[in-house]
Amino acid sequence: MAAIKTVNLTKSYNNQIVLKDLNLTIKKGEVYGFIGKNGAGKTTTINLILSLITKDSGDIFINDSEVKYIDQQYKTKIGYVPDVPVFPGYMRAKDYLKFTSEIFDMKKEEVNQRIEEVLEFVDLPNSKKKISSYSRGMKQRLAIAQALLHDPEILIMDEPTSALDPIGRNDVMNMIYKLKGSKTIFYSTHILDDIERVCDRIGILDDGVLLFESNMADIQEQFYSNNIYIETENDPSTVMKKITSNNLINDVKIDHNGIICKLNGDIDSNTLIKKLIELDEKIVEYKKVKTSLEDIFIKLTNEKAS
């Protein structure tokens, strides 16, 4: 079953298309990383799924049931964490969560226990502090607690780590990891460092168009294999010219004191080493290199622009 599905979803503002024929399928129980630079259309996608704005065309499905703009019941299955959560500053965490429980019509006898559970999960002590005194990280923890309070099937998070320091980011990623498998998590971000740690699949959005979608295993196979760093006693530009002029490897770039190239079916690692020795290159370092998601993102967006 698809927890979230969009079919040819399109949205424009002032006759400018910001989302074009978006086709997403987020499987039940998976963590899906929705990647794109600021302005790519990630928040627009989320707002459409939540019926906060109207679509121009296309369809949205939650648990295989089509969603209409006027529908409200399906939202009880969803917890939402906005990029910049806003709270009434005069309230305390427990008071705010009690207020939220009334919106979801939760059973009163279960509310107090559930509040304690979610506050413990996000590591936010039930203190007497007012929310107005909270740090940015504490507010994000409270936003996650609020989103989980009614035990939703689906958790939608819009840039949940964008304004946090490294420690706060790590804490949020740990929470996502702990929820993995028990919730369907749709997680948008432009920060790529942590995606590999928690996501089952990713989609890359650029200028409203889905450029790429794959599971992490296939990404490992397609992009992360056969990347080699070579450093010799010669200047890297000289080594690069030798490699390319001898038709050994075409996909080559200079990196620090060496070069990085991608092996293909025409030449393997042992053959490349032998060729380098034949070209009188004294090898200082030769190692496999892991491609980052940032490298993949830059490669795909550059290919789109060219």
C-alpha atoms as a PDB file:
ATOM      1  CA  MET A   1       0.000   0.000   0.000  1.00  0.00           C
ATOM      2  CA  ALA A   2       1.154   3.534  -0.783  1.00  0.00           C
ATOM      3  CA  ALA A   3       0.926   5.741   2.282  1.00  0.00           C
ATOM      4  CA  ILE A   4       1.293   8.887   0.145  1.00  0.00           C
ATOM      5  CA  LYS A   5       0.922   9.093  -3.614  1.00  0.00           C
ATOM      6  CA  THR A   6       0.752  12.011  -6.027  1.00  0.00           C
ATOM      7  CA  VAL A   7      -0.146  11.735  -9.695  1.00  0.00           C
ATOM      8  CA  ASN A   8       0.810  14.538 -12.090  1.00  0.00           C
ATOM      9  CA  LEU A   9       0.511  17.049  -9.250  1.00  0.00           C
ATOM     10  CA  THR A  10       0.907  20.597 -10.558  1.00  0.00           C
ATOM     11  CA  LYS A  11       0.808  24.002  -8.880  1.00  0.00           C
ATOM     12  CA  SER A  12       1.505  27.517 -10.118  1.00  0.00           C
ATOM     13  CA  TYR A  13       1.557  31.005  -8.624  1.00  0.00           C
ATOM     14  CA  ASN A  14       0.932  34.076 -10.774  1.00  0.00           C
ATOM     15  CA  ASN A  15       1.125  31.963 -13.936  1.00  0.00           C
ATOM     16  CA  GLN A  16       4.525  30.575 -12.933  1.00  0.00           C
ATOM     17  CA  ILE A  17       4.682  26.805 -12.458  1.00  0.00           C
ATOM     18  CA  VAL A  18       6.360  25.869  -9.170  1.00  0.00           C
ATOM     19  CA  LEU A  19       5.449  22.164  -9.267  1.00  0.00           C
ATOM     20  CA  LYS A  20       5.081  20.254 -12.522  1.00  0.00           C
ATOM     21  CA  ASP A  21       3.525  16.798 -12.983  1.00  0.00           C
ATOM     22  CA  LEU A  22       4.914  15.460  -9.716  1.00  0.00           C
ATOM     23  CA  ASN A  23       4.589  11.694  -9.339  1.00  0.00           C
ATOM     24  CA  LEU A  24       5.584  10.402  -5.906  1.00  0.00           C
ATOM     25  CA  THR A  25       4.888   7.088  -4.205  1.00  0.00           C
ATOM     26  CA  ILE A  26       5.870   6.796  -0.538  1.00  0.00           C
ATOM     27  CA  LYS A  27       5.474   3.241   0.651  1.00  0.00           C
ATOM     28  CA  LYS A  28       3.939   2.395   4.000  1.00  0.00           C
ATOM     29  CA  GLY A  29       6.539   2.228   6.756  1.00  0.00           C
ATOM     30  CA  GLU A  30       9.437   3.769   4.828  1.00  0.00           C
ATOM     31  CA  VAL A  31      11.463   6.922   5.432  1.00  0.00           C
ATOM     32  CA  TYR A  32      11.465   9.025   2.268  1.00  0.00           C
ATOM     33  CA  GLY A  33      13.916  11.894   1.900  1.00  0.00           C
ATOM     34  CA  PHE A  34      12.556  14.680  -0.287  1.00  0.00           C
ATOM     35  CA  ILE A  35      15.644  16.635  -1.334  1.00  0.00           C
ATOM     36  CA  GLY A  36      15.926  20.007  -3.020  1.00  0.00           C
ATOM     37  CA  LYS A  37      17.404  23.452  -2.695  1.00  0.00           C
ATOM     38  CA  ASN A  38      15.357  26.286  -1.214  1.00  0.00           C
ATOM     39  CA  GLY A  39      12.556  27.177  -3.596  1.00  0.00           C
ATOM     40  CA  ALA A  40      12.525  23.790  -5.335  1.00  0.00           C
ATOM     41  CA  GLY A  41       8.868  23.162  -4.440  1.00  0.00           C
ATOM     42  CA  LYS A  42       9.225  20.928  -1.379  1.00  0.00           C
ATOM     43  CA  THR A  43       7.031  22.996   0.955  1.00  0.00           C
ATOM     44  CA  THR A  44       4.481  23.497  -1.826  1.00  0.00           C
ATOM     45  CA  THR A  45       4.247  19.714  -2.189  1.00  0.00           C
ATOM     46  CA  ILE A  46       3.691  19.280   1.538  1.00  0.00           C
ATOM     47  CA  ASN A  47       1.097  22.059   1.665  1.00  0.00           C
ATOM     48  CA  LEU A  48      -0.804  20.362  -1.165  1.00  0.00           C
ATOM     49  CA  ILE A  49      -0.727  16.979   0.571  1.00  0.00           C
ATOM     50  CA  LEU A  50      -2.074  18.629   3.731  1.00  0.00           C
ATOM     51  CA  SER A  51      -4.735  20.563   1.763  1.00  0.00           C
ATOM     52  CA  LEU A  52      -3.343  23.859   3.012  1.00  0.00           C
ATOM     53  CA  ILE A  53      -3.385  25.145  -0.569  1.00  0.00           C
ATOM     54  CA  THR A  54      -5.282  24.082  -3.682  1.00  0.00           C
ATOM     55  CA  LYS A  55      -3.714  22.244  -6.592  1.00  0.00           C
ATOM     56  CA  ASP A  56      -3.974  23.277 -10.226  1.00  0.00           C
ATOM     57  CA  SER A  57      -4.242  19.702 -11.428  1.00  0.00           C
ATOM     58  CA  GLY A  58      -3.299  16.151 -10.520  1.00  0.00           C
ATOM     59  CA  ASP A  59      -4.327  13.808  -7.739  1.00  0.00           C
ATOM     60  CA  ILE A  60      -3.276  13.048  -4.157  1.00  0.00           C
ATOM     61  CA  PHE A  61      -3.838   9.744  -2.373  1.00  0.00           C
ATOM     62  CA  ILE A  62      -3.404   8.821   1.299  1.00  0.00           C
ATOM     63  CA  ASN A  63      -3.462   5.064   1.974  1.00  0.00           C
ATOM     64  CA  ASP A  64      -4.692   4.593  -1.602  1.00  0.00           C
ATOM     65  CA  SER A  65      -7.736   6.834  -1.019  1.00  0.00           C
ATOM     66  CA  GLU A  66      -8.004   9.998  -3.102  1.00  0.00           C
ATOM     67  CA  VAL A  67      -7.849  13.242  -1.133  1.00  0.00           C
ATOM     68  CA  LYS A  68     -10.001  16.249  -1.977  1.00  0.00           C
ATOM     69  CA  TYR A  69      -9.288  19.776  -0.778  1.00  0.00           C
ATOM     70  CA  ILE A  70     -12.350  19.827   1.479  1.00  0.00           C
ATOM     71  CA  ASP A  71     -11.444  16.507   3.135  1.00  0.00           C
ATOM     72  CA  GLN A  72     -10.410  16.663   6.773  1.00  0.00           C
ATOM     73  CA  GLN A  73     -10.734  13.164   8.204  1.00  0.00           C
ATOM     74  CA  TYR A  74      -7.595  11.863   6.497  1.00  0.00           C
ATOM     75  CA  LYS A  75      -5.504  14.394   8.452  1.00  0.00           C
ATOM     76  CA  THR A  76      -6.061  12.387  11.632  1.00  0.00           C
ATOM     77  CA  LYS A  77      -3.670   9.836  10.121  1.00  0.00           C
ATOM     78  CA  ILE A  78      -0.944  12.452   9.714  1.00  0.00           C
ATOM     79  CA  GLY A  79       1.433  14.223  12.091  1.00  0.00           C
ATOM     80  CA  TYR A  80       3.022  17.409  10.743  1.00  0.00           C
ATOM     81  CA  VAL A  81       6.246  19.142  11.770  1.00  0.00           C
ATOM     82  CA  PRO A  82       6.649  22.547  10.065  1.00  0.00           C
ATOM     83  CA  ASP A  83      10.018  24.092   9.296  1.00  0.00           C
ATOM     84  CA  VAL A  84       9.451  26.962  11.735  1.00  0.00           C
ATOM     85  CA  PRO A  85       7.015  25.847  14.458  1.00  0.00           C
ATOM     86  CA  VAL A  86       5.095  28.608  16.224  1.00  0.00           C
ATOM     87  CA  PHE A  87       3.583  28.224  19.684  1.00  0.00           C
ATOM     88  CA  PRO A  88       1.684  30.410  22.153  1.00  0.00           C
ATOM     89  CA  GLY A  89       4.538  31.605  24.307  1.00  0.00           C
ATOM     90  CA  TYR A  90       2.481  31.906  27.477  1.00  0.00           C
ATOM     91  CA  MET A  91       1.787  28.160  27.550  1.00  0.00           C
ATOM     92  CA  ARG A  92       3.897  25.343  28.966  1.00  0.00           C
ATOM     93  CA  ALA A  93       4.608  22.165  26.999  1.00  0.00           C
ATOM     94  CA  LYS A  94       2.062  20.016  28.800  1.00  0.00           C
ATOM     95  CA  ASP A  95      -0.648  22.687  28.503  1.00  0.00           C
ATOM     96  CA  TYR A  96      -0.008  23.014  24.786  1.00  0.00           C
ATOM     97  CA  LEU A  97      -0.149  19.273  24.217  1.00  0.00           C
ATOM     98  CA  LYS A  98      -3.416  19.048  26.167  1.00  0.00           C
ATOM     99  CA  PHE A  99      -4.830  21.730  23.898  1.00  0.00           C
ATOM    100  CA  THR A 100      -3.625  19.776  20.849  1.00  0.00           C
ATOM    101  CA  SER A 101      -5.249  16.588  22.163  1.00  0.00           C
ATOM    102  CA  GLU A 102      -8.645  18.325  22.095  1.00  0.00           C
ATOM    103  CA  ILE A 103      -8.209  19.136  18.406  1.00  0.00           C
ATOM    104  CA  PHE A 104      -7.697  15.430  17.693  1.00  0.00           C
ATOM    105  CA  ASP A 105     -10.568  14.443  19.969  1.00  0.00           C
ATOM    106  CA  MET A 106      -8.388  12.088  21.984  1.00  0.00           C
ATOM    107  CA  LYS A 107      -9.839  10.171  24.902  1.00  0.00           C
ATOM    108  CA  LYS A 108      -9.331  12.172  28.096  1.00  0.00           C
ATOM    109  CA  GLU A 109      -8.273   9.167  30.153  1.00  0.00           C
ATOM    110  CA  GLU A 110      -5.405   8.504  27.702  1.00  0.00           C
ATOM    111  CA  VAL A 111      -4.173  12.057  27.210  1.00  0.00           C
ATOM    112  CA  ASN A 112      -1.959  12.487  30.276  1.00  0.00           C
ATOM    113  CA  GLN A 113      -0.140   9.204  29.743  1.00  0.00           C
ATOM    114  CA  ARG A 114       0.364   9.938  26.048  1.00  0.00           C
ATOM    115  CA  ILE A 115       1.740  13.399  26.828  1.00  0.00           C
ATOM    116  CA  GLU A 116       4.292  11.891  29.176  1.00  0.00           C
ATOM    117  CA  GLU A 117       5.263   9.327  26.523  1.00  0.00           C
ATOM    118  CA  VAL A 118       5.888  11.828  23.746  1.00  0.00           C
ATOM    119  CA  LEU A 119       7.720  14.273  26.014  1.00  0.00           C
ATOM    120  CA  GLU A 120       9.969  11.443  27.122  1.00  0.00           C
ATOM    121  CA  PHE A 121      10.522  10.345  23.519  1.00  0.00           C
ATOM    122  CA  VAL A 122      11.680  13.817  22.419  1.00  0.00           C
ATOM    123  CA  ASP A 123      13.663  14.229  25.648  1.00  0.00           C
ATOM    124  CA  LEU A 124      11.775  17.354  26.679  1.00  0.00           C
ATOM    125  CA  PRO A 125      11.231  17.369  30.439  1.00  0.00           C
ATOM    126  CA  ASN A 126       7.829  18.492  31.607  1.00  0.00           C
ATOM    127  CA  SER A 127       9.217  21.598  33.257  1.00  0.00           C
ATOM    128  CA  LYS A 128       7.468  24.722  34.451  1.00  0.00           C
ATOM    129  CA  LYS A 129       9.161  26.805  31.762  1.00  0.00           C
ATOM    130  CA  LYS A 130       6.935  28.740  29.427  1.00  0.00           C
ATOM    131  CA  ILE A 131       7.409  28.017  25.731  1.00  0.00           C
ATOM    132  CA  SER A 132       8.540  31.612  25.192  1.00  0.00           C
ATOM    133  CA  SER A 133      11.763  30.744  27.038  1.00  0.00           C
ATOM    134  CA  TYR A 134      12.503  27.689  24.885  1.00  0.00           C
ATOM    135  CA  SER A 135      15.546  27.472  22.635  1.00  0.00           C
ATOM    136  CA  ARG A 136      15.114  26.737  18.918  1.00  0.00           C
ATOM    137  CA  GLY A 137      15.978  23.095  19.552  1.00  0.00           C
ATOM    138  CA  MET A 138      13.458  22.752  22.381  1.00  0.00           C
ATOM    139  CA  LYS A 139      10.722  24.208  20.177  1.00  0.00           C
ATOM    140  CA  GLN A 140      11.536  21.689  17.471  1.00  0.00           C
ATOM    141  CA  ARG A 141      11.323  18.883  20.027  1.00  0.00           C
ATOM    142  CA  LEU A 142       7.915  20.161  21.100  1.00  0.00           C
ATOM    143  CA  ALA A 143       6.797  20.298  17.467  1.00  0.00           C
ATOM    144  CA  ILE A 144       7.738  16.643  17.047  1.00  0.00           C
ATOM    145  CA  ALA A 145       5.969  15.730  20.309  1.00  0.00           C
ATOM    146  CA  GLN A 146       2.838  17.500  19.083  1.00  0.00           C
ATOM    147  CA  ALA A 147       2.996  15.702  15.731  1.00  0.00           C
ATOM    148  CA  LEU A 148       3.280  12.310  17.448  1.00  0.00           C
ATOM    149  CA  LEU A 149       0.706  12.925  20.181  1.00  0.00           C
ATOM    150  CA  HIS A 150      -2.241  11.291  18.409  1.00  0.00           C
ATOM    151  CA  ASP A 151      -0.061   8.369  17.232  1.00  0.00           C
ATOM    152  CA  PRO A 152      -0.408   9.037  13.491  1.00  0.00           C
ATOM    153  CA  GLU A 153       0.446   6.515  10.786  1.00  0.00           C
ATOM    154  CA  ILE A 154       2.257   9.137   8.720  1.00  0.00           C
ATOM    155  CA  LEU A 155       4.735  11.783   9.842  1.00  0.00           C
ATOM    156  CA  ILE A 156       5.428  14.693   7.479  1.00  0.00           C
ATOM    157  CA  MET A 157       8.432  16.836   8.369  1.00  0.00           C
ATOM    158  CA  ASP A 158       9.264  20.015   6.470  1.00  0.00           C
ATOM    159  CA  GLU A 159      12.953  20.945   6.876  1.00  0.00           C
ATOM    160  CA  PRO A 160      12.964  19.869  10.542  1.00  0.00           C
ATOM    161  CA  THR A 161      16.707  20.467  11.004  1.00  0.00           C
ATOM    162  CA  SER A 162      17.275  23.566   8.869  1.00  0.00           C
ATOM    163  CA  ALA A 163      17.660  26.046  11.737  1.00  0.00           C
ATOM    164  CA  LEU A 164      19.330  23.756  14.258  1.00  0.00           C
ATOM    165  CA  ASP A 165      22.939  23.490  15.361  1.00  0.00           C
ATOM    166  CA  PRO A 166      24.825  20.195  14.737  1.00  0.00           C
ATOM    167  CA  ILE A 167      23.805  18.747  18.114  1.00  0.00           C
ATOM    168  CA  GLY A 168      20.146  19.637  17.556  1.00  0.00           C
ATOM    169  CA  ARG A 169      20.267  18.178  14.050  1.00  0.00           C
ATOM    170  CA  ASN A 170      21.740  14.955  15.352  1.00  0.00           C
ATOM    171  CA  ASP A 171      19.010  14.711  18.008  1.00  0.00           C
ATOM    172  CA  VAL A 172      16.254  15.078  15.408  1.00  0.00           C
ATOM    173  CA  MET A 173      17.874  12.500  13.135  1.00  0.00           C
ATOM    174  CA  ASN A 174      18.066  10.088  16.073  1.00  0.00           C
ATOM    175  CA  MET A 175      14.332  10.519  16.632  1.00  0.00           C
ATOM    176  CA  ILE A 176      13.616   9.777  12.978  1.00  0.00           C
ATOM    177  CA  TYR A 177      15.818   6.700  13.174  1.00  0.00           C
ATOM    178  CA  LYS A 178      13.956   5.449  16.258  1.00  0.00           C
ATOM    179  CA  LEU A 179      10.623   5.875  14.447  1.00  0.00           C
ATOM    180  CA  LYS A 180      11.856   4.066  11.355  1.00  0.00           C
ATOM    181  CA  GLY A 181       9.602   1.143  10.507  1.00  0.00           C
ATOM    182  CA  SER A 182       6.824   2.146  12.890  1.00  0.00           C
ATOM    183  CA  LYS A 183       5.770   5.245  10.952  1.00  0.00           C
ATOM    184  CA  THR A 184       5.774   6.336   7.346  1.00  0.00           C
ATOM    185  CA  ILE A 185       8.017   9.409   7.351  1.00  0.00           C
ATOM    186  CA  PHE A 186       8.088  11.962   4.536  1.00  0.00           C
ATOM    187  CA  TYR A 187      11.014  14.213   5.297  1.00  0.00           C
ATOM    188  CA  SER A 188      11.983  17.247   3.200  1.00  0.00           C
ATOM    189  CA  THR A 189      15.380  18.881   3.424  1.00  0.00           C
ATOM    190  CA  HIS A 190      18.115  20.741   1.588  1.00  0.00           C
ATOM    191  CA  ILE A 191      20.734  19.468   4.072  1.00  0.00           C
ATOM    192  CA  LEU A 192      22.197  16.291   2.628  1.00  0.00           C
ATOM    193  CA  ASP A 193      24.650  15.122   5.285  1.00  0.00           C
ATOM    194  CA  ASP A 194      22.180  13.083   7.344  1.00  0.00           C
ATOM    195  CA  ILE A 195      19.942  11.661   4.619  1.00  0.00           C
ATOM    196  CA  GLU A 196      21.922   8.455   4.125  1.00  0.00           C
ATOM    197  CA  ARG A 197      21.613   7.620   7.793  1.00  0.00           C
ATOM    198  CA  VAL A 198      17.832   7.363   7.996  1.00  0.00           C
ATOM    199  CA  CYS A 199      16.260   7.229   4.538  1.00  0.00           C
ATOM    200  CA  ASP A 200      15.099   4.143   2.666  1.00  0.00           C
ATOM    201  CA  ARG A 201      14.515   6.113  -0.524  1.00  0.00           C
ATOM    202  CA  ILE A 202      15.113   9.627  -1.779  1.00  0.00           C
ATOM    203  CA  GLY A 203      13.677  11.915  -4.422  1.00  0.00           C
ATOM    204  CA  ILE A 204      15.514  14.948  -5.767  1.00  0.00           C
ATOM    205  CA  LEU A 205      13.339  17.920  -6.708  1.00  0.00           C
ATOM    206  CA  ASP A 206      14.644  20.876  -8.708  1.00  0.00           C
ATOM    207  CA  ASP A 207      12.565  23.796  -9.958  1.00  0.00           C
ATOM    208  CA  GLY A 208       9.379  21.846  -9.351  1.00  0.00           C
ATOM    209  CA  VAL A 209      10.488  18.786 -11.329  1.00  0.00           C
ATOM    210  CA  LEU A 210      11.390  15.402  -9.864  1.00  0.00           C
ATOM    211  CA  LEU A 211      14.846  14.737 -11.336  1.00  0.00           C
ATOM    212  CA  PHE A 212      15.639  11.463  -9.653  1.00  0.00           C
ATOM    213  CA  GLU A 213      14.134   8.878  -7.337  1.00  0.00           C
ATOM    214  CA  SER A 214      15.700   5.702  -6.024  1.00  0.00           C
ATOM    215  CA  ASN A 215      16.261   3.539  -2.971  1.00  0.00           C
ATOM    216  CA  MET A 216      19.536   3.837  -1.099  1.00  0.00           C
ATOM    217  CA  ALA A 217      20.743   0.384  -2.149  1.00  0.00           C
ATOM    218  CA  ASP A 218      20.440   1.260  -5.841  1.00  0.00           C
ATOM    219  CA  ILE A 219      22.105   4.628  -5.250  1.00  0.00           C
ATOM    220  CA  GLN A 220      25.026   2.824  -3.639  1.00  0.00           C
ATOM    221  CA  GLU A 221      25.292   0.605  -6.692  1.00  0.00           C
ATOM    222  CA  GLN A 222      24.826   3.338  -9.297  1.00  0.00           C
ATOM    223  CA  PHE A 223      26.808   6.215  -7.836  1.00  0.00           C
ATOM    224  CA  TYR A 224      28.980   5.042  -4.958  1.00  0.00           C
ATOM    225  CA  SER A 225      30.868   2.170  -6.604  1.00  0.00           C
ATOM    226  CA  ASN A 226      34.100   2.334  -8.588  1.00  0.00           C
ATOM    227  CA  ASN A 227      35.159   5.856  -7.663  1.00  0.00           C
ATOM    228  CA  ILE A 228      38.942   5.932  -7.275  1.00  0.00           C
ATOM    229  CA  TYR A 229      41.231   8.586  -5.831  1.00  0.00           C
ATOM    230  CA  ILE A 230      44.721   8.594  -7.373  1.00  0.00           C
ATOM    231  CA  GLU A 231      47.642  10.663  -6.185  1.00  0.00           C
ATOM    232  CA  THR A 232      51.073  10.420  -7.789  1.00  0.00           C
ATOM    233  CA  GLU A 233      54.318  12.358  -7.503  1.00  0.00           C
ATOM    234  CA  ASN A 234      53.279  14.424 -10.527  1.00  0.00           C
ATOM    235  CA  ASP A 235      50.968  17.410 -10.615  1.00  0.00           C
ATOM    236  CA  PRO A 236      47.320  16.163 -10.750  1.00  0.00           C
ATOM    237  CA  SER A 237      46.601  18.125 -13.933  1.00  0.00           C
ATOM    238  CA  THR A 238      49.436  16.237 -15.654  1.00  0.00           C
ATOM    239  CA  VAL A 239      48.086  12.895 -14.458  1.00  0.00           C
ATOM    240  CA  MET A 240      44.592  13.811 -15.647  1.00  0.00           C
ATOM    241  CA  LYS A 241      45.905  14.705 -19.120  1.00  0.00           C
ATOM    242  CA  LYS A 242      47.769  11.403 -19.359  1.00  0.00           C
ATOM    243  CA  ILE A 243      44.725   9.380 -18.346  1.00  0.00           C
ATOM    244  CA  THR A 244      42.343  11.127 -20.705  1.00  0.00           C
ATOM    245  CA  SER A 245      44.737  11.323 -23.667  1.00  0.00           C
ATOM    246  CA  ASN A 246      45.372   7.576 -23.419  1.00  0.00           C
ATOM    247  CA  ASN A 247      41.626   6.883 -23.359  1.00  0.00           C
ATOM    248  CA  LEU A 248      41.864   5.151 -20.007  1.00  0.00           C
ATOM    249  CA  ILE A 249      39.132   7.008 -18.143  1.00  0.00           C
ATOM    250  CA  ASN A 250      36.916   9.873 -19.306  1.00  0.00           C
ATOM    251  CA  ASP A 251      35.110  10.781 -16.063  1.00  0.00           C
ATOM    252  CA  VAL A 252      38.007  12.495 -14.259  1.00  0.00           C
ATOM    253  CA  LYS A 253      38.304  15.533 -11.997  1.00  0.00           C
ATOM    254  CA  ILE A 254      41.090  17.077  -9.932  1.00  0.00           C
ATOM    255  CA  ASP A 255      40.669  16.726  -6.169  1.00  0.00           C
ATOM    256  CA  HIS A 256      43.261  18.267  -3.830  1.00  0.00           C
ATOM    257  CA  ASN A 257      46.641  16.711  -4.683  1.00  0.00           C
ATOM    258  CA  GLY A 258      45.228  13.986  -6.884  1.00  0.00           C
ATOM    259  CA  ILE A 259      42.400  13.056  -9.203  1.00  0.00           C
ATOM    260  CA  ILE A 260      39.127  11.172  -8.827  1.00  0.00           C
ATOM    261  CA  CYS A 261      37.907   8.944 -11.616  1.00  0.00           C
ATOM    262  CA  LYS A 262      35.083   6.454 -12.066  1.00  0.00           C
ATOM    263  CA  LEU A 263      35.921   2.980 -13.305  1.00  0.00           C
ATOM    264  CA  ASN A 264      33.609   1.410 -15.859  1.00  0.00           C
ATOM    265  CA  GLY A 265      33.303  -1.893 -17.662  1.00  0.00           C
ATOM    266  CA  ASP A 266      36.149  -1.074 -20.050  1.00  0.00           C
ATOM    267  CA  ILE A 267      38.880  -0.917 -17.418  1.00  0.00           C
ATOM    268  CA  ASP A 268      39.255  -2.337 -13.928  1.00  0.00           C
ATOM    269  CA  SER A 269      41.365  -1.217 -10.996  1.00  0.00           C
ATOM    270  CA  ASN A 270      44.308  -3.549 -11.682  1.00  0.00           C
ATOM    271  CA  THR A 271      44.473  -2.530 -15.323  1.00  0.00           C
ATOM    272  CA  LEU A 272      44.446   1.147 -14.406  1.00  0.00           C
ATOM    273  CA  ILE A 273      47.319   0.697 -11.933  1.00  0.00           C
ATOM    274  CA  LYS A 274      49.380  -1.133 -14.571  1.00  0.00           C
ATOM    275  CA  LYS A 275      48.718   1.614 -17.105  1.00  0.00           C
ATOM    276  CA  LEU A 276      49.779   4.297 -14.627  1.00  0.00           C
ATOM    277  CA  ILE A 277      53.040   2.466 -13.987  1.00  0.00           C
ATOM    278  CA  GLU A 278      53.614   2.142 -17.736  1.00  0.00           C
ATOM    279  CA  LEU A 279      53.158   5.925 -17.965  1.00  0.00           C
ATOM    280  CA  ASP A 280      55.934   6.372 -15.372  1.00  0.00           C
ATOM    281  CA  GLU A 281      53.555   7.559 -12.659  1.00  0.00           C
ATOM    282  CA  LYS A 282      54.795   6.809  -9.147  1.00  0.00           C
ATOM    283  CA  ILE A 283      51.659   6.210  -7.112  1.00  0.00           C
ATOM    284  CA  VAL A 284      51.494   7.904  -3.705  1.00  0.00           C
ATOM    285  CA  GLU A 285      47.891   7.002  -2.868  1.00  0.00           C
ATOM    286  CA  TYR A 286      45.245   4.878  -4.558  1.00  0.00           C
ATOM    287  CA  LYS A 287      41.909   4.304  -2.820  1.00  0.00           C
ATOM    288  CA  LYS A 288      38.188   3.919  -3.321  1.00  0.00           C
ATOM    289  CA  VAL A 289      36.148   7.067  -2.714  1.00  0.00           C
ATOM    290  CA  LYS A 290      32.529   7.248  -1.607  1.00  0.00           C
ATOM    291  CA  THR A 291      30.396   9.667  -3.580  1.00  0.00           C
ATOM    292  CA  SER A 292      28.264  11.943  -1.411  1.00  0.00           C
ATOM    293  CA  LEU A 293      24.629  12.809  -1.969  1.00  0.00           C
ATOM    294  CA  GLU A 294      25.807  16.359  -2.515  1.00  0.00           C
ATOM    295  CA  ASP A 295      27.926  15.156  -5.447  1.00  0.00           C
ATOM    296  CA  ILE A 296      24.919  13.315  -6.866  1.00  0.00           C
ATOM    297  CA  PHE A 297      22.670  16.340  -6.407  1.00  0.00           C
ATOM    298  CA  ILE A 298      25.153  18.659  -8.142  1.00  0.00           C
ATOM    299  CA  LYS A 299      25.660  16.152 -10.976  1.00  0.00           C
ATOM    300  CA  LEU A 300      21.924  15.750 -11.626  1.00  0.00           C
ATOM    301  CA  THR A 301      21.079  19.447 -11.428  1.00  0.00           C
ATOM    302  CA  ASN A 302      23.992  20.318 -13.705  1.00  0.00           C
ATOM    303  CA  GLU A 303      22.828  17.722 -16.225  1.00  0.00           C
ATOM    304  CA  LYS A 304      19.354  19.263 -16.148  1.00  0.00           C
ATOM    305  CA  ALA A 305      20.754  22.747 -16.740  1.00  0.00           C
ATOM    306  CA  SER A 306      22.954  21.669 -19.674  1.00  0.00           C
END
